[in-house]
PDB file of N, CA and C in Angstrom:
ATOM      1  N   MET A   1     124.984 148.999   9.658  1.00  0.00           N
ATOM      2  CA  MET A   1     126.095 148.911   8.709  1.00  0.00           C
ATOM      3  C   MET A   1     125.532 148.648   7.326  1.00  0.00           C
ATOM      4  N   PRO A   2     125.906 149.481   6.345  1.00  0.00           N
ATOM      5  CA  PRO A   2     125.399 149.270   4.988  1.00  0.00           C
ATOM      6  C   PRO A   2     126.029 148.029   4.351  1.00  0.00           C
ATOM      7  N   THR A   3     125.277 147.401   3.483  1.00  0.00           N
ATOM      8  CA  THR A   3     125.811 146.243   2.761  1.00  0.00           C
ATOM      9  C   THR A   3     126.333 146.710   1.411  1.00  0.00           C
ATOM     10  N   GLY A   4     127.191 145.926   0.797  1.00  0.00           N
ATOM     11  CA  GLY A   4     127.761 146.288  -0.490  1.00  0.00           C
ATOM     12  C   GLY A   4     129.268 146.381  -0.404  1.00  0.00           C
ATOM     13  N   SER A   5     129.848 147.149  -1.294  1.00  0.00           N
ATOM     14  CA  SER A   5     131.304 147.249  -1.344  1.00  0.00           C
ATOM     15  C   SER A   5     131.844 148.135  -0.226  1.00  0.00           C
ATOM     16  N   ALA A   6     133.121 148.017  -0.010  1.00  0.00           N
ATOM     17  CA  ALA A   6     133.782 148.841   0.999  1.00  0.00           C
ATOM     18  C   ALA A   6     133.709 150.313   0.606  1.00  0.00           C
ATOM     19  N   ALA A   7     133.785 150.596  -0.704  1.00  0.00           N
ATOM     20  CA  ALA A   7     133.711 151.984  -1.164  1.00  0.00           C
ATOM     21  C   ALA A   7     132.336 152.564  -0.889  1.00  0.00           C
ATOM     22  N   ALA A   8     131.292 151.756  -1.084  1.00  0.00           N
ATOM     23  CA  ALA A   8     129.939 152.232  -0.802  1.00  0.00           C
ATOM     24  C   ALA A   8     129.759 152.500   0.686  1.00  0.00           C
ATOM     25  N   ALA A   9     130.324 151.641   1.524  1.00  0.00           N
ATOM     26  CA  ALA A   9     130.239 151.846   2.972  1.00  0.00           C
ATOM     27  C   ALA A   9     130.988 153.109   3.381  1.00  0.00           C
ATOM     28  N   LEU A  10     132.142 153.340   2.765  1.00  0.00           N
ATOM     29  CA  LEU A  10     132.920 154.534   3.083  1.00  0.00           C
ATOM     30  C   LEU A  10     132.178 155.805   2.675  1.00  0.00           C
ATOM     31  N   MET A  11     131.576 155.783   1.496  1.00  0.00           N
ATOM     32  CA  MET A  11     130.839 156.952   1.034  1.00  0.00           C
ATOM     33  C   MET A  11     129.572 157.170   1.848  1.00  0.00           C
ATOM     34  N   ALA A  12     128.968 156.107   2.337  1.00  0.00           N
ATOM     35  CA  ALA A  12     127.791 156.252   3.191  1.00  0.00           C
ATOM     36  C   ALA A  12     128.169 156.926   4.504  1.00  0.00           C
ATOM     37  N   LYS A  13     129.354 156.654   4.983  1.00  0.00           N
ATOM     38  CA  LYS A  13     129.819 157.264   6.233  1.00  0.00           C
ATOM     39  C   LYS A  13     130.127 158.750   6.034  1.00  0.00           C
ATOM     40  N   PHE A  14     130.776 159.097   4.906  1.00  0.00           N
ATOM     41  CA  PHE A  14     131.160 160.480   4.673  1.00  0.00           C
ATOM     42  C   PHE A  14     130.042 161.339   4.101  1.00  0.00           C
ATOM     43  N   GLY A  15     129.070 160.735   3.502  1.00  0.00           N
ATOM     44  CA  GLY A  15     127.955 161.509   2.972  1.00  0.00           C
ATOM     45  C   GLY A  15     128.049 161.741   1.485  1.00  0.00           C
ATOM     46  N   VAL A  16     127.805 162.961   1.061  1.00  0.00           N
ATOM     47  CA  VAL A  16     127.739 163.302  -0.351  1.00  0.00           C
ATOM     48  C   VAL A  16     129.122 163.219  -0.997  1.00  0.00           C
ATOM     49  N   VAL A  17     129.157 162.647  -2.186  1.00  0.00           N
ATOM     50  CA  VAL A  17     130.403 162.541  -2.941  1.00  0.00           C
ATOM     51  C   VAL A  17     130.553 163.807  -3.781  1.00  0.00           C
ATOM     52  N   PRO A  18     131.625 164.574  -3.586  1.00  0.00           N
ATOM     53  CA  PRO A  18     131.793 165.795  -4.375  1.00  0.00           C
ATOM     54  C   PRO A  18     132.111 165.461  -5.832  1.00  0.00           C
ATOM     55  N   SER A  19     131.525 166.232  -6.735  1.00  0.00           N
ATOM     56  CA  SER A  19     131.834 166.018  -8.150  1.00  0.00           C
ATOM     57  C   SER A  19     133.278 166.435  -8.403  1.00  0.00           C
ATOM     58  N   ARG A  20     133.941 165.735  -9.279  1.00  0.00           N
ATOM     59  CA  ARG A  20     135.351 165.943  -9.614  1.00  0.00           C
ATOM     60  C   ARG A  20     136.267 165.752  -8.400  1.00  0.00           C
ATOM     61  N   GLY A  21     135.809 164.996  -7.420  1.00  0.00           N
ATOM     62  CA  GLY A  21     136.646 164.631  -6.280  1.00  0.00           C
ATOM     63  C   GLY A  21     137.431 163.366  -6.609  1.00  0.00           C
ATOM     64  N   ALA A  22     138.256 162.921  -5.666  1.00  0.00           N
ATOM     65  CA  ALA A  22     139.094 161.744  -5.900  1.00  0.00           C
ATOM     66  C   ALA A  22     138.242 160.510  -6.175  1.00  0.00           C
ATOM     67  N   TYR A  23     137.193 160.300  -5.396  1.00  0.00           N
ATOM     68  CA  TYR A  23     136.329 159.134  -5.596  1.00  0.00           C
ATOM     69  C   TYR A  23     135.649 159.199  -6.960  1.00  0.00           C
ATOM     70  N   ALA A  24     135.190 160.382  -7.343  1.00  0.00           N
ATOM     71  CA  ALA A  24     134.522 160.537  -8.628  1.00  0.00           C
ATOM     72  C   ALA A  24     135.482 160.275  -9.783  1.00  0.00           C
ATOM     73  N   TYR A  25     136.741 160.732  -9.666  1.00  0.00           N
ATOM     74  CA  TYR A  25     137.724 160.473 -10.709  1.00  0.00           C
ATOM     75  C   TYR A  25     138.007 158.982 -10.842  1.00  0.00           C
ATOM     76  N   LEU A  26     138.156 158.295  -9.712  1.00  0.00           N
ATOM     77  CA  LEU A  26     138.444 156.864  -9.776  1.00  0.00           C
ATOM     78  C   LEU A  26     137.262 156.080 -10.337  1.00  0.00           C
ATOM     79  N   GLN A  27     136.051 156.462  -9.962  1.00  0.00           N
ATOM     80  CA  GLN A  27     134.865 155.803 -10.513  1.00  0.00           C
ATOM     81  C   GLN A  27     134.765 156.066 -12.012  1.00  0.00           C
ATOM     82  N   SER A  28     135.021 157.296 -12.414  1.00  0.00           N
ATOM     83  CA  SER A  28     134.969 157.641 -13.825  1.00  0.00           C
ATOM     84  C   SER A  28     136.027 156.888 -14.619  1.00  0.00           C
ATOM     85  N   SER A  29     137.196 156.741 -14.044  1.00  0.00           N
ATOM     86  CA  SER A  29     138.263 156.008 -14.708  1.00  0.00           C
ATOM     87  C   SER A  29     137.889 154.542 -14.889  1.00  0.00           C
ATOM     88  N   ALA A  30     137.267 153.965 -13.879  1.00  0.00           N
ATOM     89  CA  ALA A  30     136.850 152.567 -13.969  1.00  0.00           C
ATOM     90  C   ALA A  30     135.826 152.360 -15.076  1.00  0.00           C
ATOM     91  N   MET A  31     135.050 153.397 -15.368  1.00  0.00           N
ATOM     92  CA  MET A  31     134.030 153.294 -16.410  1.00  0.00           C
ATOM     93  C   MET A  31     134.504 153.855 -17.746  1.00  0.00           C
ATOM     94  N   GLY A  32     135.768 154.275 -17.835  1.00  0.00           N
ATOM     95  CA  GLY A  32     136.312 154.789 -19.086  1.00  0.00           C
ATOM     96  C   GLY A  32     135.933 156.227 -19.367  1.00  0.00           C
ATOM     97  N   GLY A  33     135.648 156.994 -18.348  1.00  0.00           N
ATOM     98  CA  GLY A  33     135.226 158.379 -18.533  1.00  0.00           C
ATOM     99  C   GLY A  33     136.369 159.361 -18.408  1.00  0.00           C
ATOM    100  N   TYR A  34     136.035 160.567 -17.916  1.00  0.00           N
ATOM    101  CA  TYR A  34     137.015 161.655 -17.856  1.00  0.00           C
ATOM    102  C   TYR A  34     138.184 161.360 -16.924  1.00  0.00           C
ATOM    103  N   GLY A  35     138.026 160.466 -15.971  1.00  0.00           N
ATOM    104  CA  GLY A  35     139.109 160.146 -15.038  1.00  0.00           C
ATOM    105  C   GLY A  35     140.178 159.249 -15.623  1.00  0.00           C
ATOM    106  N   SER A  36     139.919 158.644 -16.776  1.00  0.00           N
ATOM    107  CA  SER A  36     140.874 157.704 -17.375  1.00  0.00           C
ATOM    108  C   SER A  36     142.201 158.365 -17.705  1.00  0.00           C
ATOM    109  N   ALA A  37     142.147 159.542 -18.291  1.00  0.00           N
ATOM    110  CA  ALA A  37     143.380 160.227 -18.684  1.00  0.00           C
ATOM    111  C   ALA A  37     144.233 160.567 -17.467  1.00  0.00           C
ATOM    112  N   LEU A  38     143.603 161.026 -16.410  1.00  0.00           N
ATOM    113  CA  LEU A  38     144.349 161.377 -15.201  1.00  0.00           C
ATOM    114  C   LEU A  38     144.984 160.143 -14.572  1.00  0.00           C
ATOM    115  N   VAL A  39     144.231 159.084 -14.427  1.00  0.00           N
ATOM    116  CA  VAL A  39     144.764 157.873 -13.804  1.00  0.00           C
ATOM    117  C   VAL A  39     145.869 157.272 -14.662  1.00  0.00           C
ATOM    118  N   ARG A  40     145.701 157.284 -15.989  1.00  0.00           N
ATOM    119  CA  ARG A  40     146.724 156.768 -16.894  1.00  0.00           C
ATOM    120  C   ARG A  40     147.994 157.619 -16.792  1.00  0.00           C
ATOM    121  N   GLY A  41     147.851 158.932 -16.715  1.00  0.00           N
ATOM    122  CA  GLY A  41     149.016 159.808 -16.587  1.00  0.00           C
ATOM    123  C   GLY A  41     149.760 159.605 -15.283  1.00  0.00           C
ATOM    124  N   VAL A  42     149.026 159.453 -14.194  1.00  0.00           N
ATOM    125  CA  VAL A  42     149.657 159.215 -12.892  1.00  0.00           C
ATOM    126  C   VAL A  42     150.377 157.872 -12.902  1.00  0.00           C
ATOM    127  N   THR A  43     149.788 156.865 -13.530  1.00  0.00           N
ATOM    128  CA  THR A  43     150.419 155.550 -13.613  1.00  0.00           C
ATOM    129  C   THR A  43     151.702 155.611 -14.427  1.00  0.00           C
ATOM    130  N   ARG A  44     151.672 156.314 -15.559  1.00  0.00           N
ATOM    131  CA  ARG A  44     152.874 156.440 -16.382  1.00  0.00           C
ATOM    132  C   ARG A  44     153.965 157.214 -15.662  1.00  0.00           C
ATOM    133  N   ALA A  45     153.586 158.267 -14.966  1.00  0.00           N
ATOM    134  CA  ALA A  45     154.579 159.052 -14.227  1.00  0.00           C
ATOM    135  C   ALA A  45     155.214 158.211 -13.127  1.00  0.00           C
ATOM    136  N   GLY A  46     154.410 157.440 -12.435  1.00  0.00           N
ATOM    137  CA  GLY A  46     154.939 156.556 -11.387  1.00  0.00           C
ATOM    138  C   GLY A  46     155.883 155.516 -11.955  1.00  0.00           C
ATOM    139  N   SER A  47     155.538 154.981 -13.118  1.00  0.00           N
ATOM    140  CA  SER A  47     156.400 154.001 -13.773  1.00  0.00           C
ATOM    141  C   SER A  47     157.721 154.639 -14.190  1.00  0.00           C
ATOM    142  N   GLY A  48     157.672 155.863 -14.699  1.00  0.00           N
ATOM    143  CA  GLY A  48     158.890 156.565 -15.089  1.00  0.00           C
ATOM    144  C   GLY A  48     159.795 156.844 -13.906  1.00  0.00           C
ATOM    145  N   VAL A  49     159.210 157.234 -12.793  1.00  0.00           N
ATOM    146  CA  VAL A  49     159.996 157.489 -11.583  1.00  0.00           C
ATOM    147  C   VAL A  49     160.643 156.197 -11.101  1.00  0.00           C
ATOM    148  N   PHE A  50     159.900 155.092 -11.148  1.00  0.00           N
ATOM    149  CA  PHE A  50     160.447 153.803 -10.725  1.00  0.00           C
ATOM    150  C   PHE A  50     161.609 153.398 -11.629  1.00  0.00           C
ATOM    151  N   GLU A  51     161.441 153.513 -12.940  1.00  0.00           N
ATOM    152  CA  GLU A  51     162.510 153.152 -13.875  1.00  0.00           C
ATOM    153  C   GLU A  51     163.744 154.030 -13.661  1.00  0.00           C
ATOM    154  N   ALA A  52     163.529 155.321 -13.446  1.00  0.00           N
ATOM    155  CA  ALA A  52     164.662 156.225 -13.217  1.00  0.00           C
ATOM    156  C   ALA A  52     165.397 155.855 -11.935  1.00  0.00           C
ATOM    157  N   SER A  53     164.668 155.483 -10.906  1.00  0.00           N
ATOM    158  CA  SER A  53     165.318 155.100  -9.651  1.00  0.00           C
ATOM    159  C   SER A  53     166.104 153.808  -9.816  1.00  0.00           C
ATOM    160  N   GLN A  54     165.592 152.872 -10.618  1.00  0.00           N
ATOM    161  CA  GLN A  54     166.327 151.629 -10.876  1.00  0.00           C
ATOM    162  C   GLN A  54     167.606 151.908 -11.657  1.00  0.00           C
ATOM    163  N   TRP A  55     167.524 152.780 -12.658  1.00  0.00           N
ATOM    164  CA  TRP A  55     168.708 153.131 -13.424  1.00  0.00           C
ATOM    165  C   TRP A  55     169.746 153.821 -12.537  1.00  0.00           C
ATOM    166  N   LEU A  56     169.297 154.769 -11.728  1.00  0.00           N
ATOM    167  CA  LEU A  56     170.211 155.491 -10.849  1.00  0.00           C
ATOM    168  C   LEU A  56     170.882 154.543  -9.860  1.00  0.00           C
ATOM    169  N   ASN A  57     170.126 153.602  -9.335  1.00  0.00           N
ATOM    170  CA  ASN A  57     170.679 152.626  -8.402  1.00  0.00           C
ATOM    171  C   ASN A  57     171.759 151.790  -9.077  1.00  0.00           C
ATOM    172  N   SER A  58     171.508 151.312 -10.293  1.00  0.00           N
ATOM    173  CA  SER A  58     172.514 150.511 -10.988  1.00  0.00           C
ATOM    174  C   SER A  58     173.715 151.363 -11.394  1.00  0.00           C
ATOM    175  N   TYR A  59     173.486 152.632 -11.727  1.00  0.00           N
ATOM    176  CA  TYR A  59     174.578 153.524 -12.102  1.00  0.00           C
ATOM    177  C   TYR A  59     175.484 153.808 -10.906  1.00  0.00           C
ATOM    178  N   LEU A  60     174.893 154.087  -9.769  1.00  0.00           N
ATOM    179  CA  LEU A  60     175.679 154.421  -8.585  1.00  0.00           C
ATOM    180  C   LEU A  60     176.447 153.225  -8.031  1.00  0.00           C
ATOM    181  N   HIS A  61     175.906 152.038  -8.214  1.00  0.00           N
ATOM    182  CA  HIS A  61     176.558 150.849  -7.686  1.00  0.00           C
ATOM    183  C   HIS A  61     177.392 150.120  -8.725  1.00  0.00           C
ATOM    184  N   GLY A  62     177.478 150.675  -9.944  1.00  0.00           N
ATOM    185  CA  GLY A  62     178.355 150.135 -10.970  1.00  0.00           C
ATOM    186  C   GLY A  62     177.949 148.791 -11.515  1.00  0.00           C
ATOM    187  N   ARG A  63     176.674 148.468 -11.458  1.00  0.00           N
ATOM    188  CA  ARG A  63     176.213 147.177 -11.974  1.00  0.00           C
ATOM    189  C   ARG A  63     175.559 147.362 -13.327  1.00  0.00           C
ATOM    190  N   GLU A  64     175.777 146.400 -14.207  1.00  0.00           N
ATOM    191  CA  GLU A  64     175.115 146.380 -15.501  1.00  0.00           C
ATOM    192  C   GLU A  64     173.745 145.733 -15.332  1.00  0.00           C
ATOM    193  N   PRO A  65     172.769 146.154 -16.117  1.00  0.00           N
ATOM    194  CA  PRO A  65     171.483 145.469 -16.066  1.00  0.00           C
ATOM    195  C   PRO A  65     171.642 144.013 -16.463  1.00  0.00           C
ATOM    196  N   SER A  66     170.928 143.125 -15.807  1.00  0.00           N
ATOM    197  CA  SER A  66     171.058 141.705 -16.111  1.00  0.00           C
ATOM    198  C   SER A  66     170.396 141.392 -17.436  1.00  0.00           C
ATOM    199  N   LYS A  67     170.969 140.466 -18.146  1.00  0.00           N
ATOM    200  CA  LYS A  67     170.443 140.021 -19.431  1.00  0.00           C
ATOM    201  C   LYS A  67     170.060 138.558 -19.308  1.00  0.00           C
ATOM    202  N   ALA A  68     169.054 138.159 -20.063  1.00  0.00           N
ATOM    203  CA  ALA A  68     168.599 136.771 -20.022  1.00  0.00           C
ATOM    204  C   ALA A  68     169.647 135.825 -20.590  1.00  0.00           C
ATOM    205  N   ASP A  69     170.417 136.268 -21.600  1.00  0.00           N
ATOM    206  CA  ASP A  69     171.403 135.387 -22.223  1.00  0.00           C
ATOM    207  C   ASP A  69     172.804 135.570 -21.645  1.00  0.00           C
ATOM    208  N   ASN A  70     172.959 136.374 -20.596  1.00  0.00           N
ATOM    209  CA  ASN A  70     174.219 136.586 -19.888  1.00  0.00           C
ATOM    210  C   ASN A  70     175.333 137.150 -20.759  1.00  0.00           C
ATOM    211  N   THR A  71     175.009 137.887 -21.811  1.00  0.00           N
ATOM    212  CA  THR A  71     176.032 138.562 -22.601  1.00  0.00           C
ATOM    213  C   THR A  71     176.180 139.978 -22.070  1.00  0.00           C
ATOM    214  N   ALA A  72     177.396 140.454 -22.053  1.00  0.00           N
ATOM    215  CA  ALA A  72     177.643 141.798 -21.558  1.00  0.00           C
ATOM    216  C   ALA A  72     177.096 142.817 -22.557  1.00  0.00           C
ATOM    217  N   VAL A  73     176.864 144.003 -22.065  1.00  0.00           N
ATOM    218  CA  VAL A  73     176.338 145.054 -22.919  1.00  0.00           C
ATOM    219  C   VAL A  73     177.376 145.391 -23.974  1.00  0.00           C
ATOM    220  N   GLY A  74     176.974 145.428 -25.246  1.00  0.00           N
ATOM    221  CA  GLY A  74     177.873 145.753 -26.338  1.00  0.00           C
ATOM    222  C   GLY A  74     178.520 144.555 -26.995  1.00  0.00           C
ATOM    223  N   GLU A  75     178.419 143.376 -26.405  1.00  0.00           N
ATOM    224  CA  GLU A  75     178.994 142.180 -27.009  1.00  0.00           C
ATOM    225  C   GLU A  75     177.983 141.506 -27.907  1.00  0.00           C
ATOM    226  N   ARG A  76     178.509 140.833 -28.922  1.00  0.00           N
ATOM    227  CA  ARG A  76     177.638 140.070 -29.803  1.00  0.00           C
ATOM    228  C   ARG A  76     177.484 138.659 -29.256  1.00  0.00           C
ATOM    229  N   PRO A  77     176.299 138.074 -29.382  1.00  0.00           N
ATOM    230  CA  PRO A  77     176.136 136.699 -28.919  1.00  0.00           C
ATOM    231  C   PRO A  77     176.945 135.743 -29.786  1.00  0.00           C
ATOM    232  N   GLN A  78     177.446 134.689 -29.171  1.00  0.00           N
ATOM    233  CA  GLN A  78     178.244 133.710 -29.896  1.00  0.00           C
ATOM    234  C   GLN A  78     177.499 132.386 -29.933  1.00  0.00           C
ATOM    235  N   GLU A  79     177.728 131.640 -31.006  1.00  0.00           N
ATOM    236  CA  GLU A  79     177.144 130.311 -31.083  1.00  0.00           C
ATOM    237  C   GLU A  79     178.275 129.317 -31.272  1.00  0.00           C
ATOM    238  N   GLY A  80     178.395 128.396 -30.360  1.00  0.00           N
ATOM    239  CA  GLY A  80     179.428 127.374 -30.449  1.00  0.00           C
ATOM    240  C   GLY A  80     180.842 127.905 -30.317  1.00  0.00           C
ATOM    241  N   GLY A  81     181.066 129.026 -29.681  1.00  0.00           N
ATOM    242  CA  GLY A  81     182.391 129.570 -29.478  1.00  0.00           C
ATOM    243  C   GLY A  81     182.898 130.402 -30.634  1.00  0.00           C
ATOM    244  N   VAL A  82     182.150 130.519 -31.737  1.00  0.00           N
ATOM    245  CA  VAL A  82     182.544 131.309 -32.892  1.00  0.00           C
ATOM    246  C   VAL A  82     181.499 132.389 -33.082  1.00  0.00           C
ATOM    247  N   GLU A  83     181.953 133.593 -33.394  1.00  0.00           N
ATOM    248  CA  GLU A  83     180.991 134.675 -33.570  1.00  0.00           C
ATOM    249  C   GLU A  83     180.086 134.377 -34.749  1.00  0.00           C
ATOM    250  N   ALA A  84     178.844 134.791 -34.636  1.00  0.00           N
ATOM    251  CA  ALA A  84     177.818 134.431 -35.609  1.00  0.00           C
ATOM    252  C   ALA A  84     178.053 135.035 -36.986  1.00  0.00           C
ATOM    253  N   ASP A  85     178.763 136.154 -37.104  1.00  0.00           N
ATOM    254  CA  ASP A  85     178.898 136.798 -38.407  1.00  0.00           C
ATOM    255  C   ASP A  85     180.228 136.492 -39.114  1.00  0.00           C
ATOM    256  N   GLU A  86     181.006 135.537 -38.635  1.00  0.00           N
ATOM    257  CA  GLU A  86     182.248 135.160 -39.299  1.00  0.00           C
ATOM    258  C   GLU A  86     181.947 134.284 -40.498  1.00  0.00           C
ATOM    259  N   PRO A  87     182.794 134.349 -41.539  1.00  0.00           N
ATOM    260  CA  PRO A  87     182.581 133.521 -42.731  1.00  0.00           C
ATOM    261  C   PRO A  87     182.705 132.028 -42.412  1.00  0.00           C
ATOM    262  N   ALA A  88     182.129 131.224 -43.282  1.00  0.00           N
ATOM    263  CA  ALA A  88     182.114 129.775 -43.092  1.00  0.00           C
ATOM    264  C   ALA A  88     183.520 129.192 -43.102  1.00  0.00           C
ATOM    265  N   GLU A  89     184.454 129.773 -43.897  1.00  0.00           N
ATOM    266  CA  GLU A  89     185.817 129.253 -43.962  1.00  0.00           C
ATOM    267  C   GLU A  89     186.510 129.362 -42.599  1.00  0.00           C
ATOM    268  N   MET A  90     186.240 130.460 -41.914  1.00  0.00           N
ATOM    269  CA  MET A  90     186.842 130.648 -40.581  1.00  0.00           C
ATOM    270  C   MET A  90     186.312 129.618 -39.599  1.00  0.00           C
ATOM    271  N   LYS A  91     185.056 129.292 -39.728  1.00  0.00           N
ATOM    272  CA  LYS A  91     184.451 128.298 -38.834  1.00  0.00           C
ATOM    273  C   LYS A  91     185.044 126.925 -39.109  1.00  0.00           C
ATOM    274  N   ALA A  92     185.305 126.618 -40.378  1.00  0.00           N
ATOM    275  CA  ALA A  92     185.854 125.319 -40.744  1.00  0.00           C
ATOM    276  C   ALA A  92     187.278 125.149 -40.205  1.00  0.00           C
ATOM    277  N   LYS A  93     188.071 126.219 -40.140  1.00  0.00           N
ATOM    278  CA  LYS A  93     189.448 126.148 -39.643  1.00  0.00           C
ATOM    279  C   LYS A  93     189.502 125.840 -38.164  1.00  0.00           C
ATOM    280  N   LEU A  94     188.484 126.269 -37.442  1.00  0.00           N
ATOM    281  CA  LEU A  94     188.484 126.023 -36.009  1.00  0.00           C
ATOM    282  C   LEU A  94     188.038 124.630 -35.768  1.00  0.00           C
TER     283      LEU A  94
END
């Protein structure tokens, strides 16, 4: 059994690593080479698919995305029960 990383053991079992193969692309990406663009593109595409599935799920089930401040979408945040952009005179009357 060869010593070293699991990837080295796997490649020792399979033999020669083909150039521009999956292993070569991942190794190149780890070193900032030609594989970086491919791995970055696949990661972005996967993220886009995940975001689209989350949006579709919330759309189909009629739920609004959760907000940290618990304000509904389209509402302005309020401070002390009075809207933040009202004049000072209005605040004094309340």
